Amino acid sequence: MNVQFYTRPNCPLCEDARLMLELVKEDVVLHIEEINIEDNDDIHEKFLLRIPVIERDGVVIQEGRIDYPTLLEVFTS
């Protein structure tokens, strides 16, 4: 399963989200495309106040505070 992980450097919430994704990867096969929002002006404008954001097939799964139970439920259903 492919997911996009929108992040930026020096973001503590992003670090927490990365850990949650790694935990979920122990239970579900995931390919995580990590996207630094600071590399693209359009993406930066879209996600600046929302990161971290986890998206699958163009649908936002979670943003801000990311939690394991929600990710696991979405990725296993």
N, C-alpha and C. Protein backbone atom coordinates (compact mmCIF):
# COMPACT_ATOMS: atom_id res chain seq x y z
N MET A 1 0.85 -1.17 0.00
CA MET A 1 0.00 0.00 0.00
C MET A 1 0.90 1.24 0.00
N ASN A 2 0.58 2.20 -0.84
CA ASN A 2 1.35 3.43 -0.94
C ASN A 2 0.68 4.54 -0.13
N VAL A 3 1.48 5.24 0.65
CA VAL A 3 0.97 6.39 1.40
C VAL A 3 1.95 7.55 1.24
N GLN A 4 1.41 8.75 1.31
CA GLN A 4 2.23 9.95 1.26
C GLN A 4 2.27 10.54 2.67
N PHE A 5 3.46 10.92 3.08
CA PHE A 5 3.69 11.48 4.41
C PHE A 5 4.28 12.87 4.20
N TYR A 6 3.45 13.88 4.43
CA TYR A 6 3.89 15.27 4.26
C TYR A 6 4.49 15.76 5.57
N THR A 7 5.68 16.29 5.47
CA THR A 7 6.46 16.65 6.64
C THR A 7 7.35 17.84 6.31
N ARG A 8 8.13 18.26 7.29
CA ARG A 8 9.16 19.27 7.07
C ARG A 8 10.22 19.08 8.15
N PRO A 9 11.41 19.61 7.94
CA PRO A 9 12.48 19.46 8.94
C PRO A 9 12.12 20.18 10.25
N ASN A 10 12.69 19.68 11.31
CA ASN A 10 12.55 20.28 12.65
C ASN A 10 11.10 20.37 13.10
N CYS A 11 10.35 19.32 12.85
CA CYS A 11 8.93 19.26 13.21
C CYS A 11 8.73 18.11 14.20
N PRO A 12 8.58 18.40 15.49
CA PRO A 12 8.42 17.33 16.47
C PRO A 12 7.20 16.44 16.21
N LEU A 13 6.09 17.01 15.78
CA LEU A 13 4.92 16.19 15.47
C LEU A 13 5.21 15.24 14.30
N CYS A 14 6.03 15.71 13.36
CA CYS A 14 6.40 14.88 12.22
C CYS A 14 7.24 13.69 12.67
N GLU A 15 8.12 13.91 13.62
CA GLU A 15 8.93 12.82 14.16
C GLU A 15 8.04 11.78 14.83
N ASP A 16 7.05 12.26 15.61
CA ASP A 16 6.10 11.34 16.26
C ASP A 16 5.32 10.55 15.20
N ALA A 17 4.89 11.23 14.16
CA ALA A 17 4.13 10.57 13.08
C ALA A 17 4.99 9.52 12.38
N ARG A 18 6.26 9.84 12.16
CA ARG A 18 7.17 8.89 11.51
C ARG A 18 7.26 7.61 12.36
N LEU A 19 7.35 7.76 13.66
CA LEU A 19 7.40 6.60 14.55
C LEU A 19 6.12 5.78 14.46
N MET A 20 4.97 6.46 14.40
CA MET A 20 3.69 5.75 14.29
C MET A 20 3.63 4.97 12.98
N LEU A 21 4.09 5.58 11.90
CA LEU A 21 4.11 4.88 10.61
C LEU A 21 5.02 3.66 10.66
N GLU A 22 6.16 3.79 11.31
CA GLU A 22 7.07 2.66 11.42
C GLU A 22 6.44 1.53 12.24
N LEU A 23 5.70 1.87 13.28
CA LEU A 23 5.00 0.84 14.06
C LEU A 23 3.95 0.13 13.22
N VAL A 24 3.20 0.89 12.45
CA VAL A 24 2.17 0.30 11.59
C VAL A 24 2.81 -0.60 10.54
N LYS A 25 3.99 -0.23 10.06
CA LYS A 25 4.70 -1.04 9.05
C LYS A 25 5.04 -2.43 9.58
N GLU A 26 5.05 -2.61 10.89
CA GLU A 26 5.30 -3.93 11.44
C GLU A 26 4.11 -4.86 11.22
N ASP A 27 2.92 -4.26 11.01
CA ASP A 27 1.69 -5.05 10.83
C ASP A 27 1.13 -5.01 9.42
N VAL A 28 1.50 -3.99 8.65
CA VAL A 28 0.94 -3.78 7.32
C VAL A 28 2.08 -3.43 6.37
N VAL A 29 2.03 -3.97 5.17
CA VAL A 29 3.04 -3.63 4.17
C VAL A 29 2.73 -2.23 3.64
N LEU A 30 3.63 -1.30 3.91
CA LEU A 30 3.46 0.09 3.48
C LEU A 30 4.68 0.55 2.70
N HIS A 31 4.42 1.31 1.67
CA HIS A 31 5.49 2.06 1.00
C HIS A 31 5.21 3.52 1.31
N ILE A 32 6.08 4.14 2.06
CA ILE A 32 5.87 5.51 2.53
C ILE A 32 6.69 6.46 1.66
N GLU A 33 6.00 7.36 1.00
CA GLU A 33 6.65 8.42 0.24
C GLU A 33 6.68 9.66 1.13
N GLU A 34 7.85 9.98 1.62
CA GLU A 34 7.99 11.13 2.50
C GLU A 34 8.22 12.38 1.65
N ILE A 35 7.37 13.38 1.86
CA ILE A 35 7.40 14.59 1.05
C ILE A 35 7.65 15.79 1.95
N ASN A 36 8.78 16.46 1.71
CA ASN A 36 9.13 17.67 2.46
C ASN A 36 8.35 18.82 1.83
N ILE A 37 7.43 19.40 2.58
CA ILE A 37 6.58 20.46 2.01
C ILE A 37 7.37 21.70 1.64
N GLU A 38 8.56 21.84 2.19
CA GLU A 38 9.37 23.01 1.89
C GLU A 38 10.04 22.94 0.51
N ASP A 39 9.93 21.79 -0.15
CA ASP A 39 10.52 21.61 -1.48
C ASP A 39 9.60 22.05 -2.61
N ASN A 40 8.34 22.36 -2.31
CA ASN A 40 7.37 22.71 -3.34
C ASN A 40 6.43 23.78 -2.81
N ASP A 41 6.39 24.92 -3.47
CA ASP A 41 5.58 26.05 -2.98
C ASP A 41 4.10 25.71 -2.87
N ASP A 42 3.54 24.99 -3.85
CA ASP A 42 2.12 24.66 -3.80
C ASP A 42 1.80 23.72 -2.64
N ILE A 43 2.63 22.71 -2.47
CA ILE A 43 2.43 21.78 -1.35
C ILE A 43 2.64 22.51 -0.03
N HIS A 44 3.63 23.37 0.03
CA HIS A 44 3.90 24.14 1.24
C HIS A 44 2.68 24.96 1.64
N GLU A 45 2.10 25.64 0.67
CA GLU A 45 0.92 26.47 0.95
C GLU A 45 -0.27 25.62 1.41
N LYS A 46 -0.44 24.47 0.79
CA LYS A 46 -1.58 23.59 1.10
C LYS A 46 -1.47 22.99 2.51
N PHE A 47 -0.25 22.58 2.90
CA PHE A 47 -0.10 21.81 4.14
C PHE A 47 0.60 22.54 5.28
N LEU A 48 0.98 23.78 5.09
CA LEU A 48 1.80 24.49 6.08
C LEU A 48 1.30 24.35 7.51
N LEU A 49 0.04 24.59 7.74
CA LEU A 49 -0.50 24.56 9.10
C LEU A 49 -1.10 23.22 9.48
N ARG A 50 -0.97 22.24 8.60
CA ARG A 50 -1.62 20.96 8.83
C ARG A 50 -0.66 19.82 9.13
N ILE A 51 0.63 19.99 8.87
CA ILE A 51 1.56 18.86 8.96
C ILE A 51 1.72 18.39 10.40
N PRO A 52 2.06 17.14 10.56
CA PRO A 52 2.22 16.13 9.53
C PRO A 52 0.87 15.70 8.95
N VAL A 53 0.90 15.28 7.70
CA VAL A 53 -0.30 14.79 7.02
C VAL A 53 0.03 13.44 6.40
N ILE A 54 -0.87 12.49 6.60
CA ILE A 54 -0.73 11.17 5.98
C ILE A 54 -1.91 11.00 5.04
N GLU A 55 -1.58 10.65 3.80
CA GLU A 55 -2.58 10.60 2.74
C GLU A 55 -2.44 9.29 1.99
N ARG A 56 -3.58 8.75 1.55
CA ARG A 56 -3.57 7.55 0.70
C ARG A 56 -4.57 7.77 -0.43
N ASP A 57 -4.13 7.58 -1.65
CA ASP A 57 -4.98 7.76 -2.83
C ASP A 57 -5.66 9.13 -2.85
N GLY A 58 -4.93 10.16 -2.43
CA GLY A 58 -5.46 11.51 -2.46
C GLY A 58 -6.39 11.87 -1.33
N VAL A 59 -6.59 10.93 -0.39
CA VAL A 59 -7.48 11.15 0.75
C VAL A 59 -6.64 11.27 2.02
N VAL A 60 -6.86 12.35 2.77
CA VAL A 60 -6.13 12.54 4.02
C VAL A 60 -6.65 11.54 5.05
N ILE A 61 -5.72 10.75 5.58
CA ILE A 61 -6.04 9.77 6.61
C ILE A 61 -6.02 10.42 7.98
N GLN A 62 -4.95 11.18 8.24
CA GLN A 62 -4.80 11.88 9.51
C GLN A 62 -3.87 13.05 9.31
N GLU A 63 -4.03 14.05 10.18
CA GLU A 63 -3.12 15.19 10.16
C GLU A 63 -2.95 15.70 11.58
N GLY A 64 -1.86 16.45 11.78
CA GLY A 64 -1.59 16.97 13.13
C GLY A 64 -1.06 15.87 14.02
N ARG A 65 -1.78 15.53 15.05
CA ARG A 65 -1.38 14.44 15.94
C ARG A 65 -1.81 13.11 15.34
N ILE A 66 -0.83 12.30 15.03
CA ILE A 66 -1.06 11.02 14.37
C ILE A 66 -1.04 9.92 15.42
N ASP A 67 -2.03 9.01 15.36
CA ASP A 67 -2.05 7.94 16.35
C ASP A 67 -2.10 6.56 15.68
N TYR A 68 -1.50 5.63 16.35
CA TYR A 68 -1.37 4.25 15.84
C TYR A 68 -2.73 3.58 15.60
N PRO A 69 -3.67 3.62 16.58
CA PRO A 69 -4.94 2.90 16.35
C PRO A 69 -5.68 3.35 15.09
N THR A 70 -5.70 4.65 14.83
CA THR A 70 -6.40 5.15 13.65
C THR A 70 -5.71 4.68 12.38
N LEU A 71 -4.39 4.79 12.34
CA LEU A 71 -3.65 4.34 11.15
C LEU A 71 -3.87 2.85 10.90
N LEU A 72 -3.74 2.06 11.94
CA LEU A 72 -3.88 0.62 11.79
C LEU A 72 -5.28 0.27 11.30
N GLU A 73 -6.29 0.90 11.85
CA GLU A 73 -7.66 0.64 11.43
C GLU A 73 -7.87 0.97 9.95
N VAL A 74 -7.39 2.12 9.54
CA VAL A 74 -7.56 2.53 8.13
C VAL A 74 -6.79 1.61 7.19
N PHE A 75 -5.57 1.27 7.56
CA PHE A 75 -4.73 0.49 6.65
C PHE A 75 -5.05 -1.01 6.64
N THR A 76 -5.84 -1.47 7.59
CA THR A 76 -6.21 -2.89 7.59
C THR A 76 -7.66 -3.11 7.20
N SER A 77 -8.38 -2.04 6.93
CA SER A 77 -9.79 -2.24 6.56
C SER A 77 -9.98 -2.14 5.06
